[in-house]
Amino acid sequence: MSTVSGRSFFSGIECGDVTPLLWTLFKDDPFDPRLRTHKIRRLSAQYGRTIYAVEIEGDLRSTFYLDGETVVSLIIGTHDIYRG
């Protein structure tokens, strides 16, 4: 199990009833297939480490990286966040 670091991962996001479920899934396993976790190559190159994104809802994404057993959240937004 991973520890989540940084700001509250989905706090303040207006996504209806889906957000609490996603937060629970993410805390238990950030690579749960229901989150559709995927690598973001461009941001990974910019940060010099592997950056992942999860789908929150529709076009809304959240990016993070792993620091050992800790998950560090970066950016929450639309696909525009991938442009760095």
Protein backbone atom coordinates (compact mmCIF):
# COMPACT_ATOMS: atom_id res chain seq x y z
CA MET A 1 0.00 0.00 0.00
CA SER A 2 1.23 3.50 -0.80
CA THR A 3 1.15 6.65 1.27
CA VAL A 4 -0.28 9.72 -0.43
CA SER A 5 1.75 12.90 -0.05
CA GLY A 6 1.10 16.51 -0.97
CA ARG A 7 -2.23 18.30 -1.14
CA SER A 8 -5.39 16.28 -0.74
CA PHE A 9 -5.47 14.46 -4.04
CA PHE A 10 -9.06 15.18 -5.14
CA SER A 11 -10.01 17.96 -2.71
CA GLY A 12 -12.20 20.72 -4.05
CA ILE A 13 -12.99 18.91 -7.30
CA GLU A 14 -16.65 19.00 -8.26
CA CYS A 15 -17.19 15.52 -9.69
CA GLY A 16 -20.36 14.37 -8.01
CA ASP A 17 -20.44 11.03 -6.27
CA VAL A 18 -17.51 9.60 -8.20
CA THR A 19 -14.75 11.42 -6.28
CA PRO A 20 -14.99 9.55 -2.94
CA LEU A 21 -14.88 6.20 -4.74
CA LEU A 22 -11.87 7.24 -6.82
CA TRP A 23 -10.06 8.55 -3.74
CA THR A 24 -10.62 5.23 -1.95
CA LEU A 25 -9.42 3.27 -4.98
CA PHE A 26 -6.39 5.52 -5.36
CA LYS A 27 -5.38 5.25 -1.69
CA ASP A 28 -5.64 1.46 -1.83
CA ASP A 29 -3.84 1.06 -5.17
CA PRO A 30 -2.95 3.95 -7.53
CA PHE A 31 -2.66 1.39 -10.32
CA ASP A 32 -6.16 -0.05 -9.92
CA PRO A 33 -7.39 -0.64 -13.50
CA ARG A 34 -10.57 1.34 -12.83
CA LEU A 35 -8.43 4.49 -12.50
CA ARG A 36 -6.91 3.95 -15.97
CA THR A 37 -3.46 4.91 -14.67
CA HIS A 38 -1.02 5.64 -17.47
CA LYS A 39 2.46 7.09 -17.94
CA ILE A 40 2.88 10.60 -19.30
CA ARG A 41 6.06 10.59 -21.38
CA ARG A 42 6.43 14.33 -21.90
CA LEU A 43 6.08 15.20 -18.20
CA SER A 44 8.30 12.26 -17.30
CA ALA A 45 11.05 13.70 -19.50
CA GLN A 46 10.60 17.16 -17.95
CA TYR A 47 10.66 15.89 -14.35
CA GLY A 48 13.37 13.30 -14.93
CA ARG A 49 11.19 10.58 -13.35
CA THR A 50 8.16 8.55 -14.35
CA ILE A 51 4.99 10.63 -14.11
CA TYR A 52 1.60 8.90 -14.10
CA ALA A 53 -1.93 10.18 -14.60
CA VAL A 54 -5.29 8.83 -13.44
CA GLU A 55 -8.66 9.65 -14.97
CA ILE A 56 -10.95 11.37 -12.49
CA GLU A 57 -13.92 12.06 -14.74
CA GLY A 58 -14.39 12.99 -18.38
CA ASP A 59 -11.40 15.13 -19.38
CA LEU A 60 -10.26 15.66 -15.76
CA ARG A 61 -6.89 14.08 -14.88
CA SER A 62 -4.53 14.06 -11.93
CA THR A 63 -0.79 13.47 -12.23
CA PHE A 64 1.54 11.91 -9.67
CA TYR A 65 4.85 10.13 -9.22
CA LEU A 66 6.16 7.52 -6.83
CA ASP A 67 8.89 8.27 -4.31
CA GLY A 68 9.54 4.84 -2.85
CA GLU A 69 6.24 3.80 -1.25
CA THR A 70 4.93 7.39 -1.25
CA VAL A 71 2.64 8.78 -3.96
CA VAL A 72 3.31 12.48 -4.62
CA SER A 73 0.50 14.36 -6.38
CA LEU A 74 1.43 17.06 -8.88
CA ILE A 75 -1.30 18.62 -11.00
CA ILE A 76 -5.06 18.23 -11.41
CA GLY A 77 -6.69 19.48 -14.61
CA THR A 78 -7.69 18.70 -18.20
CA HIS A 79 -5.46 17.16 -20.85
CA ASP A 80 -3.75 20.57 -20.99
CA ILE A 81 -1.72 19.56 -17.91
CA TYR A 82 0.16 17.09 -20.11
CA ARG A 83 1.72 19.95 -22.01
CA GLY A 84 3.70 20.92 -18.90
